[in-house]
Amino acid sequence: MTHDCSIPVIAEGIYPFDARGIAKRFRHAAIFGALDALQAGETMRFCNDHDPLPLLSQITNHFGSHVRISYVSRSPGEIVIAFLVTG
């Protein structure tokens, strides 16, 4: 199974979000907006060109246990992370 972000995820409740095409100055606002739009049980499959450690810390601080973060892939130039909204 490939985790290439250029291939849309076809699954109920999983929504792809490719940050590589968003201007850097808008990325964090767009990501937080997308997470706010998800309902419990839904997942945002996030793709980026680097490991966004400061962003992950901000998401943890903002959402706490309401968003579960797990890496899907850590390939060079393509980091894929699943953000599951738990409630």
N, C-alpha and C. Protein backbone atom coordinates (compact mmCIF):
# COMPACT_ATOMS: atom_id res chain seq x y z
N MET A 1 0.84 -1.18 0.00
CA MET A 1 0.00 0.00 0.00
C MET A 1 0.89 1.25 0.00
N THR A 2 0.59 2.17 -0.86
CA THR A 2 1.37 3.39 -0.94
C THR A 2 0.74 4.49 -0.09
N HIS A 3 1.56 5.37 0.41
CA HIS A 3 1.08 6.49 1.22
C HIS A 3 1.34 7.81 0.51
N ASP A 4 1.56 7.75 -0.81
CA ASP A 4 1.84 8.94 -1.59
C ASP A 4 0.69 9.92 -1.43
N CYS A 5 1.01 11.13 -1.03
CA CYS A 5 -0.03 12.14 -0.80
C CYS A 5 -0.67 12.63 -2.07
N SER A 6 -0.05 12.37 -3.22
CA SER A 6 -0.65 12.81 -4.47
C SER A 6 -1.82 11.91 -4.85
N ILE A 7 -1.95 10.78 -4.18
CA ILE A 7 -3.07 9.87 -4.44
C ILE A 7 -4.12 10.11 -3.36
N PRO A 8 -5.35 10.48 -3.76
CA PRO A 8 -6.37 10.77 -2.74
C PRO A 8 -6.70 9.53 -1.90
N VAL A 9 -6.99 9.75 -0.65
CA VAL A 9 -7.40 8.67 0.24
C VAL A 9 -8.88 8.44 0.03
N ILE A 10 -9.26 7.26 -0.33
CA ILE A 10 -10.66 6.94 -0.55
C ILE A 10 -11.13 6.07 0.61
N ALA A 11 -11.64 6.71 1.62
CA ALA A 11 -12.16 6.00 2.78
C ALA A 11 -13.10 6.93 3.52
N GLU A 12 -14.10 6.36 4.10
CA GLU A 12 -15.08 7.13 4.87
C GLU A 12 -14.40 7.79 6.06
N GLY A 13 -14.54 9.09 6.18
CA GLY A 13 -14.05 9.80 7.36
C GLY A 13 -12.57 10.12 7.35
N ILE A 14 -11.87 9.89 6.22
CA ILE A 14 -10.46 10.23 6.11
C ILE A 14 -10.32 11.27 5.01
N TYR A 15 -9.75 12.42 5.36
CA TYR A 15 -9.65 13.54 4.43
C TYR A 15 -8.20 13.93 4.22
N PRO A 16 -7.73 13.92 2.95
CA PRO A 16 -6.35 14.29 2.68
C PRO A 16 -6.13 15.79 2.81
N PHE A 17 -4.96 16.16 3.30
CA PHE A 17 -4.57 17.57 3.42
C PHE A 17 -3.10 17.64 3.06
N ASP A 18 -2.80 18.15 1.86
CA ASP A 18 -1.42 18.25 1.39
C ASP A 18 -0.94 19.68 1.62
N ALA A 19 -0.14 19.87 2.66
CA ALA A 19 0.34 21.20 3.05
C ALA A 19 1.38 21.75 2.09
N ARG A 20 1.95 20.90 1.26
CA ARG A 20 3.02 21.34 0.36
C ARG A 20 2.55 22.38 -0.65
N GLY A 21 1.27 22.42 -0.96
CA GLY A 21 0.75 23.37 -1.94
C GLY A 21 0.21 24.65 -1.33
N ILE A 22 0.35 24.82 -0.03
CA ILE A 22 -0.19 25.99 0.66
C ILE A 22 0.97 26.91 1.03
N ALA A 23 0.81 28.20 0.76
CA ALA A 23 1.85 29.17 1.10
C ALA A 23 2.21 29.04 2.57
N LYS A 24 3.51 29.09 2.88
CA LYS A 24 3.98 28.86 4.25
C LYS A 24 3.30 29.78 5.27
N ARG A 25 3.05 31.02 4.90
CA ARG A 25 2.45 31.95 5.87
C ARG A 25 1.01 31.61 6.22
N PHE A 26 0.35 30.76 5.40
CA PHE A 26 -1.04 30.37 5.66
C PHE A 26 -1.19 28.95 6.20
N ARG A 27 -0.11 28.18 6.20
CA ARG A 27 -0.21 26.76 6.52
C ARG A 27 -0.83 26.46 7.88
N HIS A 28 -0.29 27.06 8.94
CA HIS A 28 -0.78 26.71 10.28
C HIS A 28 -2.25 27.08 10.43
N ALA A 29 -2.65 28.25 9.94
CA ALA A 29 -4.06 28.65 10.03
C ALA A 29 -4.95 27.68 9.25
N ALA A 30 -4.50 27.25 8.08
CA ALA A 30 -5.28 26.31 7.28
C ALA A 30 -5.40 24.96 7.97
N ILE A 31 -4.31 24.51 8.58
CA ILE A 31 -4.31 23.21 9.27
C ILE A 31 -5.23 23.25 10.48
N PHE A 32 -5.14 24.31 11.28
CA PHE A 32 -6.01 24.43 12.45
C PHE A 32 -7.47 24.54 12.03
N GLY A 33 -7.73 25.28 10.95
CA GLY A 33 -9.10 25.39 10.44
C GLY A 33 -9.64 24.04 9.99
N ALA A 34 -8.82 23.26 9.31
CA ALA A 34 -9.24 21.93 8.86
C ALA A 34 -9.51 21.02 10.05
N LEU A 35 -8.66 21.06 11.06
CA LEU A 35 -8.89 20.23 12.25
C LEU A 35 -10.15 20.65 12.99
N ASP A 36 -10.40 21.96 13.06
CA ASP A 36 -11.63 22.45 13.70
C ASP A 36 -12.89 21.98 12.96
N ALA A 37 -12.77 21.76 11.65
CA ALA A 37 -13.93 21.37 10.85
C ALA A 37 -14.26 19.88 10.96
N LEU A 38 -13.31 19.09 11.46
CA LEU A 38 -13.55 17.65 11.57
C LEU A 38 -14.44 17.32 12.77
N GLN A 39 -15.21 16.26 12.60
CA GLN A 39 -16.05 15.76 13.69
C GLN A 39 -15.38 14.56 14.34
N ALA A 40 -15.82 14.22 15.51
CA ALA A 40 -15.27 13.06 16.23
C ALA A 40 -15.31 11.83 15.33
N GLY A 41 -14.19 11.11 15.30
CA GLY A 41 -14.09 9.90 14.50
C GLY A 41 -13.52 10.14 13.11
N GLU A 42 -13.40 11.39 12.70
CA GLU A 42 -12.84 11.70 11.39
C GLU A 42 -11.34 11.93 11.49
N THR A 43 -10.65 11.70 10.38
CA THR A 43 -9.19 11.81 10.34
C THR A 43 -8.76 12.72 9.21
N MET A 44 -7.78 13.55 9.49
CA MET A 44 -7.12 14.32 8.44
C MET A 44 -5.80 13.63 8.15
N ARG A 45 -5.60 13.20 6.91
CA ARG A 45 -4.34 12.57 6.49
C ARG A 45 -3.48 13.70 5.93
N PHE A 46 -2.52 14.13 6.72
CA PHE A 46 -1.70 15.31 6.46
C PHE A 46 -0.40 14.93 5.78
N CYS A 47 -0.01 15.67 4.76
CA CYS A 47 1.26 15.43 4.07
C CYS A 47 2.06 16.72 4.03
N ASN A 48 3.37 16.60 4.28
CA ASN A 48 4.25 17.76 4.27
C ASN A 48 5.63 17.33 3.76
N ASP A 49 6.46 18.30 3.39
CA ASP A 49 7.79 17.98 2.88
C ASP A 49 8.83 17.85 3.98
N HIS A 50 8.44 18.16 5.22
CA HIS A 50 9.36 18.02 6.36
C HIS A 50 8.55 17.63 7.59
N ASP A 51 9.25 17.15 8.60
CA ASP A 51 8.60 16.75 9.85
C ASP A 51 8.23 18.02 10.64
N PRO A 52 6.95 18.31 10.82
CA PRO A 52 6.51 19.57 11.42
C PRO A 52 6.45 19.53 12.95
N LEU A 53 7.56 19.28 13.60
CA LEU A 53 7.57 19.12 15.06
C LEU A 53 7.00 20.32 15.82
N PRO A 54 7.34 21.58 15.46
CA PRO A 54 6.71 22.71 16.17
C PRO A 54 5.19 22.73 15.99
N LEU A 55 4.72 22.40 14.80
CA LEU A 55 3.27 22.34 14.55
C LEU A 55 2.62 21.27 15.41
N LEU A 56 3.23 20.11 15.51
CA LEU A 56 2.66 19.02 16.32
C LEU A 56 2.53 19.45 17.77
N SER A 57 3.53 20.17 18.26
CA SER A 57 3.47 20.69 19.62
C SER A 57 2.31 21.68 19.78
N GLN A 58 2.14 22.56 18.81
CA GLN A 58 1.04 23.53 18.86
C GLN A 58 -0.32 22.83 18.83
N ILE A 59 -0.44 21.81 18.00
CA ILE A 59 -1.70 21.06 17.92
C ILE A 59 -1.99 20.37 19.24
N THR A 60 -0.98 19.75 19.83
CA THR A 60 -1.15 19.08 21.13
C THR A 60 -1.56 20.09 22.20
N ASN A 61 -0.91 21.25 22.22
CA ASN A 61 -1.25 22.28 23.21
C ASN A 61 -2.67 22.82 23.01
N HIS A 62 -3.10 22.96 21.77
CA HIS A 62 -4.41 23.54 21.47
C HIS A 62 -5.55 22.53 21.65
N PHE A 63 -5.38 21.32 21.11
CA PHE A 63 -6.47 20.34 21.10
C PHE A 63 -6.38 19.31 22.22
N GLY A 64 -5.21 19.16 22.82
CA GLY A 64 -5.04 18.18 23.89
C GLY A 64 -5.36 16.78 23.42
N SER A 65 -6.10 16.06 24.23
CA SER A 65 -6.43 14.67 23.92
C SER A 65 -7.54 14.52 22.88
N HIS A 66 -8.06 15.63 22.38
CA HIS A 66 -9.14 15.58 21.38
C HIS A 66 -8.63 15.27 19.97
N VAL A 67 -7.31 15.34 19.77
CA VAL A 67 -6.72 14.97 18.48
C VAL A 67 -5.57 14.01 18.75
N ARG A 68 -5.67 12.82 18.16
CA ARG A 68 -4.61 11.82 18.29
C ARG A 68 -3.71 11.92 17.05
N ILE A 69 -2.41 11.99 17.27
CA ILE A 69 -1.44 12.17 16.19
C ILE A 69 -0.66 10.87 16.01
N SER A 70 -0.60 10.37 14.74
CA SER A 70 0.21 9.19 14.48
C SER A 70 0.82 9.29 13.08
N TYR A 71 2.09 8.94 12.99
CA TYR A 71 2.79 8.96 11.72
C TYR A 71 2.34 7.77 10.87
N VAL A 72 2.10 8.04 9.59
CA VAL A 72 1.78 7.00 8.62
C VAL A 72 3.04 6.66 7.84
N SER A 73 3.82 7.70 7.51
CA SER A 73 5.05 7.52 6.74
C SER A 73 6.03 8.64 7.07
N ARG A 74 7.30 8.30 7.10
CA ARG A 74 8.35 9.30 7.34
C ARG A 74 9.40 9.21 6.24
N SER A 75 8.97 9.20 5.00
CA SER A 75 9.89 9.15 3.87
C SER A 75 10.53 10.51 3.68
N PRO A 76 11.78 10.58 3.25
CA PRO A 76 12.43 11.87 3.00
C PRO A 76 11.62 12.70 1.99
N GLY A 77 11.30 13.92 2.38
CA GLY A 77 10.54 14.81 1.50
C GLY A 77 9.05 14.60 1.52
N GLU A 78 8.58 13.56 2.21
CA GLU A 78 7.14 13.31 2.28
C GLU A 78 6.79 12.67 3.62
N ILE A 79 6.38 13.51 4.53
CA ILE A 79 5.94 13.06 5.85
C ILE A 79 4.42 12.97 5.82
N VAL A 80 3.87 11.85 6.24
CA VAL A 80 2.43 11.67 6.28
C VAL A 80 2.02 11.38 7.72
N ILE A 81 1.07 12.18 8.21
CA ILE A 81 0.62 12.07 9.59
C ILE A 81 -0.90 11.99 9.60
N ALA A 82 -1.44 11.11 10.42
CA ALA A 82 -2.88 11.01 10.60
C ALA A 82 -3.26 11.76 11.88
N PHE A 83 -4.20 12.69 11.75
CA PHE A 83 -4.76 13.40 12.88
C PHE A 83 -6.18 12.91 13.08
N LEU A 84 -6.41 12.11 14.10
CA LEU A 84 -7.73 11.57 14.40
C LEU A 84 -8.39 12.41 15.46
N VAL A 85 -9.57 12.93 15.15
CA VAL A 85 -10.34 13.71 16.13
C VAL A 85 -11.11 12.72 16.99
N THR A 86 -10.86 12.77 18.30
CA THR A 86 -11.47 11.80 19.21
C THR A 86 -12.68 12.34 19.94
N GLY A 87 -12.90 13.62 19.91
CA GLY A 87 -14.08 14.15 20.58
C GLY A 87 -13.93 15.58 20.98
